[in-house]
Amino acid sequence: MEFIKKITKTQLFKILSLNSLSVILKIGIGLVTSKLLAVFVGPSGMALMGNLRNFLTSLESISTLGFQNGIIKYVAENEKNENELKKIVATVFVSLLGIAIVLSSVLYSFASFWNKEIFGDNFDYPFVFRALALVLPWYAISVFLLSIINGLGQFKRVIWINIIGNAIGLLVSISMIVNYKTLGALLSLVISPALLFFVTFYFVNKEINFFKTIRFHQFDFKIIKNLSSYSLMALVSSVLGPLVFLAIRKNVIAIVGLEQAGFWETITRISTYYMLFVTTILSVYFLPKLVVAKNNLETKKVFWSFYKMILPVFIIGLMVIYFLRFFIVSLLFTNVFLPVTTLFFWQLLGDVLKVASLILGYQFFAKKLTAAFIISELFSLSVLYFSSLYFINEYGIQGIVMAQAFDNFIYLLVLCVYFRKSLI
């Protein structure tokens, strides 16, 4: 009992509890939106949403210049240095606003081109890209503000922002999907994240007076140079990665059809829900810890605290999900989606391997190991793409989740070898 009391008093337990509330709410929202998508959109609409989601991931990374993890790092290191903190905030804000305006202009002017590239010739949704052009600057600044709060160590506020943002997203999604079907679903993907700006601005302004902090004369190219390494890393993971997934989805559609591609998007959507538990706690709690770790011994403590406390709970949760897979698919979607149950084993196995490697991968960002990250990520994406070609031809739609599990296994082995001094 005394041991349990000690655990419940730790900061990690408190953050985990609040994070679990956030994830449960996100999953609850997912139950509603997934059911709506199943009824109003169907498997083919799911495939279109998957294409747009991959495109958005790449675009969002470009619009934020891949600075998120770098902002967290430098804000955490300069929290007590008010002058340097103001320089960081001013420099990044001006840079992101400028790039967002340029990207918005390109999106709006060439909306028809992007529609054809992302959705193909048979779908006409250029309005989605015009809407995206209008909301992109708001999204980019909201990501920037959230990174500041994270870097300041305001873990609870980060989670509360996510909770409020998810609630807003639910309302937008319900309204859009019910009224506009597939177009509404696509618009909800575009609009909901941008609305987070108003929530993040409120919380940031409580920590620092934002308008007084932004001064153009404090723009410092040295800060941009320091953050450029993170841009390179983001270019590979958040831009090239989704492009590879887009290419894989096109292969899936060509080989097994649009409906089967929709089933893959469905299992990916389910995976996204439970992966939130880990990805949020990693970025909110473990990344700042890795940033301030001064040597291999301190880094080892962070790694193993994750493996002892987070990974076992995650594995147990996935075992429950596997045994409830038929119920979950029926609840979240409709009986049309029951073929998705055949994808669960390899998806869940791959996600266990992925989570085991995520904490190691965050060390690349914490210590700005740019070259090592780019090489490992390019290797991983190559393994995923070429193995997917083989497995899809051999095993149909199951082949893509098998390829993901295989890629995650190889990636974990590579990271264990590279970071062996911080593990053993």
Protein backbone atom coordinates (compact mmCIF):
# COMPACT_ATOMS: atom_id res chain seq x y z
CA MET A 1 0.00 0.00 0.00
CA GLU A 2 2.85 2.36 0.86
CA PHE A 3 4.41 1.64 -2.53
CA ILE A 4 1.15 2.45 -4.31
CA LYS A 5 0.80 5.69 -2.34
CA LYS A 6 4.30 6.74 -3.40
CA ILE A 7 3.48 6.07 -7.04
CA THR A 8 0.23 8.04 -6.92
CA LYS A 9 2.10 11.06 -5.54
CA THR A 10 4.64 11.20 -8.35
CA GLN A 11 4.41 13.85 -11.06
CA LEU A 12 4.42 11.17 -13.77
CA PHE A 13 1.37 9.44 -12.27
CA LYS A 14 -0.54 12.73 -12.07
CA ILE A 15 0.33 13.58 -15.66
CA LEU A 16 -0.58 10.03 -16.76
CA SER A 17 -3.96 10.28 -15.04
CA LEU A 18 -4.83 13.58 -16.70
CA ASN A 19 -3.44 12.35 -20.02
CA SER A 20 -5.58 9.21 -19.72
CA LEU A 21 -8.64 11.42 -19.27
CA SER A 22 -7.68 13.31 -22.42
CA VAL A 23 -7.18 10.07 -24.38
CA ILE A 24 -10.46 8.58 -23.13
CA LEU A 25 -12.25 11.74 -24.24
CA LYS A 26 -10.49 11.57 -27.62
CA ILE A 27 -11.55 7.93 -28.01
CA GLY A 28 -15.10 8.82 -27.02
CA ILE A 29 -15.11 11.52 -29.67
CA GLY A 30 -13.68 8.99 -32.09
CA LEU A 31 -16.59 6.64 -31.38
CA VAL A 32 -19.01 9.34 -32.47
CA THR A 33 -17.11 10.64 -35.51
CA SER A 34 -16.17 7.15 -36.74
CA LYS A 35 -19.77 6.03 -36.63
CA LEU A 36 -20.81 9.16 -38.53
CA LEU A 37 -18.09 8.56 -41.13
CA ALA A 38 -19.13 4.92 -41.53
CA VAL A 39 -22.77 5.88 -42.09
CA PHE A 40 -22.33 9.03 -44.20
CA VAL A 41 -18.98 8.42 -45.95
CA GLY A 42 -18.27 4.68 -46.23
CA PRO A 43 -14.96 2.85 -47.02
CA SER A 44 -14.21 4.83 -50.20
CA GLY A 45 -14.66 8.12 -48.32
CA MET A 46 -12.31 6.79 -45.64
CA ALA A 47 -9.63 6.29 -48.29
CA LEU A 48 -10.04 9.91 -49.46
CA MET A 49 -9.72 11.11 -45.87
CA GLY A 50 -6.55 9.07 -45.54
CA ASN A 51 -5.05 10.80 -48.57
CA LEU A 52 -5.99 14.23 -47.23
CA ARG A 53 -4.67 13.39 -43.77
CA ASN A 54 -1.28 12.39 -45.21
CA PHE A 55 -1.17 15.59 -47.27
CA LEU A 56 -2.07 17.67 -44.21
CA THR A 57 0.69 16.06 -42.17
CA SER A 58 3.27 17.08 -44.75
CA LEU A 59 1.82 20.57 -45.21
CA GLU A 60 1.54 21.21 -41.48
CA SER A 61 5.16 20.24 -40.99
CA ILE A 62 6.27 22.62 -43.74
CA SER A 63 4.07 25.43 -42.40
CA THR A 64 5.66 25.09 -38.94
CA LEU A 65 9.12 24.59 -40.52
CA GLY A 66 9.46 21.46 -38.37
CA PHE A 67 10.32 23.68 -35.40
CA GLN A 68 8.02 22.07 -32.76
CA ASN A 69 10.58 19.87 -31.00
CA GLY A 70 13.25 22.54 -31.35
CA ILE A 71 10.98 25.13 -29.75
CA ILE A 72 10.32 22.77 -26.84
CA LYS A 73 14.05 22.20 -26.42
CA TYR A 74 15.16 25.86 -26.51
CA VAL A 75 12.25 27.18 -24.45
CA ALA A 76 12.96 24.52 -21.80
CA GLU A 77 16.65 25.49 -21.75
CA ASN A 78 15.97 29.26 -21.61
CA GLU A 79 12.91 29.33 -19.36
CA LYS A 80 14.76 31.49 -16.80
CA ASN A 81 16.46 33.69 -19.41
CA GLU A 82 13.72 36.20 -20.20
CA ASN A 83 15.65 38.11 -22.89
CA GLU A 84 16.61 34.96 -24.82
CA LEU A 85 13.09 33.58 -24.45
CA LYS A 86 11.66 36.75 -26.02
CA LYS A 87 14.09 36.41 -28.93
CA ILE A 88 13.01 32.82 -29.51
CA VAL A 89 9.30 33.68 -29.43
CA ALA A 90 9.65 36.73 -31.71
CA THR A 91 11.92 35.02 -34.24
CA VAL A 92 9.82 31.87 -34.59
CA PHE A 93 6.51 33.78 -34.74
CA VAL A 94 7.67 36.05 -37.58
CA SER A 95 9.15 33.11 -39.51
CA LEU A 96 6.06 30.90 -39.20
CA LEU A 97 3.65 33.69 -40.08
CA GLY A 98 5.65 34.49 -43.22
CA ILE A 99 5.88 30.89 -44.47
CA ALA A 100 2.19 30.25 -43.67
CA ILE A 101 1.09 33.22 -45.78
CA VAL A 102 3.20 32.03 -48.72
CA LEU A 103 1.84 28.48 -48.49
CA SER A 104 -1.73 29.75 -48.18
CA SER A 105 -1.31 31.76 -51.39
CA VAL A 106 -0.04 28.70 -53.26
CA LEU A 107 -2.85 26.51 -51.91
CA TYR A 108 -5.58 28.98 -52.82
CA SER A 109 -4.25 29.78 -56.28
CA PHE A 110 -3.71 26.14 -57.30
CA ALA A 111 -6.64 24.49 -55.49
CA SER A 112 -7.70 22.50 -58.57
CA PHE A 113 -4.18 21.15 -59.03
CA TRP A 114 -4.00 19.92 -55.42
CA ASN A 115 -7.46 18.37 -55.72
CA LYS A 116 -6.31 16.30 -58.70
CA GLU A 117 -3.03 15.28 -57.02
CA ILE A 118 -4.62 14.20 -53.73
CA PHE A 119 -8.07 12.91 -54.74
CA GLY A 120 -7.60 12.03 -58.41
CA ASP A 121 -9.67 12.90 -61.48
CA ASN A 122 -12.94 11.40 -60.22
CA PHE A 123 -13.45 13.75 -57.25
CA ASP A 124 -14.00 17.49 -57.29
CA TYR A 125 -13.17 19.08 -53.94
CA PRO A 126 -11.03 22.19 -54.68
CA PHE A 127 -13.05 24.10 -52.07
CA VAL A 128 -11.35 21.99 -49.39
CA PHE A 129 -7.96 23.38 -50.37
CA ARG A 130 -9.23 26.95 -50.52
CA ALA A 131 -10.59 26.53 -46.98
CA LEU A 132 -7.25 25.05 -45.94
CA ALA A 133 -5.46 28.11 -47.36
CA LEU A 134 -7.53 30.42 -45.16
CA VAL A 135 -7.02 28.51 -41.90
CA LEU A 136 -3.38 27.41 -42.33
CA PRO A 137 -1.76 30.49 -40.65
CA TRP A 138 -4.00 30.02 -37.60
CA TYR A 139 -2.98 26.38 -37.35
CA ALA A 140 0.75 27.11 -37.69
CA ILE A 141 0.68 29.70 -34.91
CA SER A 142 -1.38 27.41 -32.64
CA VAL A 143 1.28 24.68 -32.97
CA PHE A 144 3.94 27.28 -32.14
CA LEU A 145 2.05 28.45 -29.05
CA LEU A 146 1.47 24.89 -27.86
CA SER A 147 5.20 24.16 -28.19
CA ILE A 148 5.97 27.18 -25.98
CA ILE A 149 3.63 25.92 -23.26
CA ASN A 150 5.18 22.46 -23.53
CA GLY A 151 8.70 23.86 -23.32
CA LEU A 152 7.77 25.83 -20.19
CA GLY A 153 6.90 22.51 -18.55
CA GLN A 154 3.19 23.31 -18.25
CA PHE A 155 2.23 19.65 -18.76
CA LYS A 156 -1.29 19.96 -17.38
CA ARG A 157 -2.10 22.97 -19.54
CA VAL A 158 -0.91 21.15 -22.67
CA ILE A 159 -3.26 18.26 -21.89
CA TRP A 160 -6.18 20.58 -21.09
CA ILE A 161 -5.65 22.37 -24.39
CA ASN A 162 -5.86 19.00 -26.15
CA ILE A 163 -9.04 18.15 -24.25
CA ILE A 164 -10.71 21.45 -25.18
CA GLY A 165 -9.47 21.17 -28.76
CA ASN A 166 -10.91 17.66 -29.10
CA ALA A 167 -14.29 18.86 -27.81
CA ILE A 168 -14.33 21.69 -30.35
CA GLY A 169 -13.30 19.25 -33.07
CA LEU A 170 -16.22 16.96 -32.19
CA LEU A 171 -18.78 19.74 -32.61
CA VAL A 172 -17.27 20.82 -35.93
CA SER A 173 -17.10 17.23 -37.23
CA ILE A 174 -20.69 16.38 -36.33
CA SER A 175 -22.01 19.53 -37.99
CA MET A 176 -19.89 19.14 -41.13
CA ILE A 177 -20.38 15.39 -41.67
CA VAL A 178 -24.15 15.36 -41.09
CA ASN A 179 -24.74 18.35 -43.37
CA TYR A 180 -22.17 17.85 -46.12
CA LYS A 181 -21.27 14.10 -46.07
CA THR A 182 -17.84 13.46 -47.63
CA LEU A 183 -17.14 17.16 -48.28
CA GLY A 184 -18.01 17.89 -44.65
CA ALA A 185 -15.70 15.14 -43.40
CA LEU A 186 -12.83 16.55 -45.45
CA LEU A 187 -13.54 20.11 -44.27
CA SER A 188 -13.65 19.00 -40.63
CA LEU A 189 -10.12 17.61 -41.00
CA VAL A 190 -8.99 21.00 -42.31
CA ILE A 191 -10.85 23.40 -40.01
CA SER A 192 -10.81 21.73 -36.57
CA PRO A 193 -7.03 21.98 -35.85
CA ALA A 194 -6.96 25.71 -36.70
CA LEU A 195 -9.60 26.46 -34.06
CA LEU A 196 -7.08 25.37 -31.44
CA PHE A 197 -5.36 28.74 -31.90
CA PHE A 198 -7.85 30.54 -29.67
CA VAL A 199 -7.37 28.03 -26.84
CA THR A 200 -3.55 28.00 -27.01
CA PHE A 201 -3.37 31.79 -27.22
CA TYR A 202 -5.44 32.12 -24.03
CA PHE A 203 -3.11 29.82 -22.07
CA VAL A 204 0.14 31.25 -23.48
CA ASN A 205 -0.94 34.80 -22.70
CA LYS A 206 -1.32 33.78 -19.06
CA GLU A 207 2.35 32.75 -18.97
CA ILE A 208 3.89 35.52 -21.09
CA ASN A 209 2.41 38.75 -22.42
CA PHE A 210 2.38 37.67 -26.04
CA PHE A 211 1.88 41.04 -27.74
CA LYS A 212 4.59 42.70 -25.64
CA THR A 213 6.95 39.80 -26.36
CA ILE A 214 6.67 40.01 -30.16
CA ARG A 215 9.14 42.68 -31.30
CA PHE A 216 10.52 42.59 -34.84
CA HIS A 217 13.88 44.03 -33.76
CA GLN A 218 14.43 40.90 -31.65
CA PHE A 219 14.46 38.68 -34.75
CA ASP A 220 17.66 36.63 -34.55
CA PHE A 221 18.96 34.55 -37.48
CA LYS A 222 21.12 32.58 -35.05
CA ILE A 223 17.96 31.08 -33.56
CA ILE A 224 16.76 30.08 -37.04
CA LYS A 225 20.15 28.46 -37.66
CA ASN A 226 19.88 26.49 -34.41
CA LEU A 227 16.37 25.35 -35.29
CA SER A 228 17.27 24.41 -38.87
CA SER A 229 18.40 20.96 -37.78
CA TYR A 230 14.86 20.28 -36.60
CA SER A 231 13.55 21.45 -39.96
CA LEU A 232 15.69 18.85 -41.70
CA MET A 233 14.44 16.12 -39.37
CA ALA A 234 10.84 17.20 -39.85
CA LEU A 235 11.30 17.29 -43.63
CA VAL A 236 12.12 13.60 -43.56
CA SER A 237 9.62 12.32 -40.99
CA SER A 238 6.64 14.63 -41.44
CA VAL A 239 6.93 15.47 -45.13
CA LEU A 240 8.63 12.52 -46.84
CA GLY A 241 6.90 10.01 -44.52
CA PRO A 242 3.32 10.94 -45.49
CA LEU A 243 4.35 11.12 -49.15
CA VAL A 244 5.56 7.53 -48.88
CA PHE A 245 2.22 6.57 -47.31
CA LEU A 246 0.42 8.32 -50.16
CA ALA A 247 2.44 6.27 -52.65
CA ILE A 248 1.69 3.07 -50.73
CA ARG A 249 -2.05 3.88 -50.65
CA LYS A 250 -2.02 4.42 -54.41
CA ASN A 251 -0.41 0.97 -54.76
CA VAL A 252 -3.07 -0.53 -52.49
CA ILE A 253 -5.86 1.06 -54.56
CA ALA A 254 -4.26 -0.15 -57.80
CA ILE A 255 -3.70 -3.71 -56.54
CA VAL A 256 -6.69 -4.48 -54.28
CA GLY A 257 -9.09 -1.56 -54.85
CA LEU A 258 -10.38 1.63 -53.22
CA GLU A 259 -12.62 -0.17 -50.71
CA GLN A 260 -9.71 -2.26 -49.40
CA ALA A 261 -7.66 0.94 -49.07
CA GLY A 262 -10.55 2.26 -46.99
CA PHE A 263 -10.21 -0.74 -44.65
CA TRP A 264 -6.53 0.07 -44.15
CA GLU A 265 -7.45 3.67 -43.36
CA THR A 266 -10.02 2.34 -40.88
CA ILE A 267 -7.49 0.24 -38.91
CA THR A 268 -5.10 3.20 -39.05
CA ARG A 269 -7.81 5.40 -37.55
CA ILE A 270 -8.40 2.92 -34.72
CA SER A 271 -4.64 2.75 -34.12
CA THR A 272 -4.47 6.55 -33.94
CA TYR A 273 -6.92 6.55 -31.02
CA TYR A 274 -4.98 4.27 -28.69
CA MET A 275 -1.57 5.56 -29.84
CA LEU A 276 -2.60 8.98 -28.48
CA PHE A 277 -2.02 7.65 -24.97
CA VAL A 278 1.67 7.13 -25.70
CA THR A 279 2.46 9.91 -28.15
CA THR A 280 0.96 12.60 -25.92
CA ILE A 281 2.78 11.48 -22.78
CA LEU A 282 6.02 11.19 -24.77
CA SER A 283 5.89 14.74 -26.15
CA VAL A 284 4.46 16.31 -23.00
CA TYR A 285 6.51 14.54 -20.31
CA PHE A 286 9.40 12.42 -21.63
CA LEU A 287 10.81 14.74 -24.34
CA PRO A 288 11.49 17.63 -21.89
CA LYS A 289 13.11 15.05 -19.54
CA LEU A 290 15.40 13.81 -22.31
CA VAL A 291 16.30 17.39 -23.23
CA VAL A 292 17.65 18.16 -19.75
CA ALA A 293 19.32 14.73 -19.25
CA LYS A 294 23.04 15.47 -18.98
CA ASN A 295 24.60 12.03 -19.53
CA ASN A 296 23.93 8.40 -20.48
CA LEU A 297 22.97 7.48 -16.92
CA GLU A 298 20.24 10.13 -16.72
CA THR A 299 19.04 9.23 -20.21
CA LYS A 300 18.95 5.56 -19.20
CA LYS A 301 16.65 6.40 -16.28
CA VAL A 302 14.24 8.20 -18.61
CA PHE A 303 14.24 5.31 -21.10
CA TRP A 304 13.62 2.62 -18.50
CA SER A 305 10.97 4.60 -16.64
CA PHE A 306 9.07 4.53 -19.94
CA TYR A 307 9.65 0.81 -20.50
CA LYS A 308 8.66 -0.12 -16.93
CA MET A 309 5.61 2.13 -16.52
CA ILE A 310 4.18 2.90 -19.96
CA LEU A 311 4.99 -0.02 -22.29
CA PRO A 312 3.50 -2.84 -20.10
CA VAL A 313 0.22 -0.94 -19.66
CA PHE A 314 0.11 -0.30 -23.40
CA ILE A 315 0.62 -3.99 -24.22
CA ILE A 316 -2.14 -5.07 -21.83
CA GLY A 317 -4.45 -2.50 -23.39
CA LEU A 318 -3.74 -3.84 -26.90
CA MET A 319 -4.44 -7.41 -25.78
CA VAL A 320 -7.87 -6.28 -24.60
CA ILE A 321 -8.44 -4.47 -27.90
CA TYR A 322 -7.54 -7.60 -29.88
CA PHE A 323 -10.09 -9.78 -28.07
CA LEU A 324 -12.74 -7.08 -28.46
CA ARG A 325 -11.95 -6.35 -32.13
CA PHE A 326 -15.31 -7.51 -33.52
CA PHE A 327 -17.20 -5.47 -30.95
CA ILE A 328 -14.99 -2.41 -31.57
CA VAL A 329 -15.47 -2.47 -35.35
CA SER A 330 -19.24 -2.95 -35.02
CA LEU A 331 -19.46 -0.15 -32.45
CA LEU A 332 -17.22 2.33 -34.24
CA PHE A 333 -18.36 1.64 -37.76
CA THR A 334 -20.90 -0.69 -39.46
CA ASN A 335 -20.95 -4.38 -40.46
CA VAL A 336 -19.60 -3.36 -43.88
CA PHE A 337 -16.27 -2.74 -42.09
CA LEU A 338 -15.99 -6.21 -40.45
CA PRO A 339 -13.16 -7.27 -42.85
CA VAL A 340 -11.04 -4.79 -40.86
CA THR A 341 -10.92 -7.37 -38.00
CA THR A 342 -8.48 -9.45 -40.08
CA LEU A 343 -5.95 -6.58 -39.89
CA PHE A 344 -5.84 -6.25 -36.10
CA PHE A 345 -3.12 -8.79 -35.20
CA TRP A 346 -0.39 -7.35 -37.40
CA GLN A 347 -1.44 -3.75 -36.71
CA LEU A 348 -1.30 -4.26 -32.93
CA LEU A 349 2.00 -6.15 -33.11
CA GLY A 350 3.48 -3.39 -35.24
CA ASP A 351 2.25 -0.72 -32.82
CA VAL A 352 3.89 -2.46 -29.83
CA LEU A 353 7.19 -2.42 -31.71
CA LYS A 354 6.60 1.18 -32.75
CA VAL A 355 5.95 2.34 -29.18
CA ALA A 356 9.09 0.52 -27.97
CA SER A 357 11.12 2.49 -30.52
CA LEU A 358 9.39 5.87 -30.06
CA ILE A 359 11.14 6.74 -26.78
CA LEU A 360 14.51 5.99 -28.41
CA GLY A 361 13.59 8.04 -31.47
CA TYR A 362 12.80 11.06 -29.29
CA GLN A 363 16.46 11.10 -28.24
CA PHE A 364 17.30 12.25 -31.78
CA PHE A 365 15.25 15.41 -31.16
CA ALA A 366 16.33 15.89 -27.54
CA LYS A 367 20.03 15.88 -28.44
CA LYS A 368 19.68 17.24 -32.00
CA LEU A 369 21.24 14.17 -33.64
CA THR A 370 20.25 15.34 -37.11
CA ALA A 371 22.37 13.15 -39.39
CA ALA A 372 21.67 9.95 -37.45
CA PHE A 373 17.93 10.66 -37.46
CA ILE A 374 17.76 11.37 -41.20
CA ILE A 375 19.73 8.23 -42.09
CA SER A 376 17.63 5.99 -39.82
CA GLU A 377 14.35 7.52 -41.03
CA LEU A 378 15.25 7.19 -44.72
CA PHE A 379 16.25 3.59 -44.09
CA SER A 380 12.95 2.90 -42.28
CA LEU A 381 10.82 4.50 -45.01
CA SER A 382 12.67 2.52 -47.68
CA VAL A 383 12.09 -0.73 -45.81
CA LEU A 384 8.40 0.14 -45.40
CA TYR A 385 7.83 1.04 -49.05
CA PHE A 386 9.59 -1.91 -50.65
CA SER A 387 8.35 -4.48 -48.12
CA SER A 388 4.79 -3.19 -48.65
CA LEU A 389 5.08 -3.85 -52.40
CA TYR A 390 6.08 -7.44 -51.72
CA PHE A 391 3.60 -8.17 -48.91
CA ILE A 392 0.60 -6.54 -50.65
CA ASN A 393 1.18 -8.66 -53.76
CA GLU A 394 1.55 -11.79 -51.64
CA TYR A 395 -1.13 -11.28 -48.96
CA GLY A 396 -3.48 -8.58 -50.25
CA ILE A 397 -4.60 -5.86 -47.84
CA GLN A 398 -3.10 -7.75 -44.86
CA GLY A 399 0.27 -7.25 -46.51
CA ILE A 400 0.39 -3.54 -45.69
CA VAL A 401 0.00 -4.06 -41.92
CA MET A 402 2.50 -6.92 -42.10
CA ALA A 403 4.94 -4.57 -43.83
CA GLN A 404 4.43 -1.95 -41.11
CA ALA A 405 5.13 -4.51 -38.36
CA PHE A 406 8.25 -5.69 -40.19
CA ASP A 407 9.50 -2.14 -40.65
CA ASN A 408 8.89 -1.27 -36.97
CA PHE A 409 10.82 -4.39 -35.89
CA ILE A 410 13.85 -3.52 -38.05
CA TYR A 411 13.73 0.13 -36.90
CA LEU A 412 13.63 -0.90 -33.22
CA LEU A 413 16.68 -3.14 -33.71
CA VAL A 414 18.60 -0.29 -35.36
CA LEU A 415 17.78 2.17 -32.54
CA CYS A 416 18.66 -0.38 -29.82
CA VAL A 417 22.09 -0.82 -31.38
CA TYR A 418 22.62 2.94 -31.85
CA PHE A 419 21.54 3.91 -28.31
CA ARG A 420 22.94 0.79 -26.59
CA LYS A 421 25.10 2.85 -24.20
CA SER A 422 21.98 4.54 -22.83
CA LEU A 423 20.11 1.25 -22.49
CA ILE A 424 22.58 -1.18 -20.92
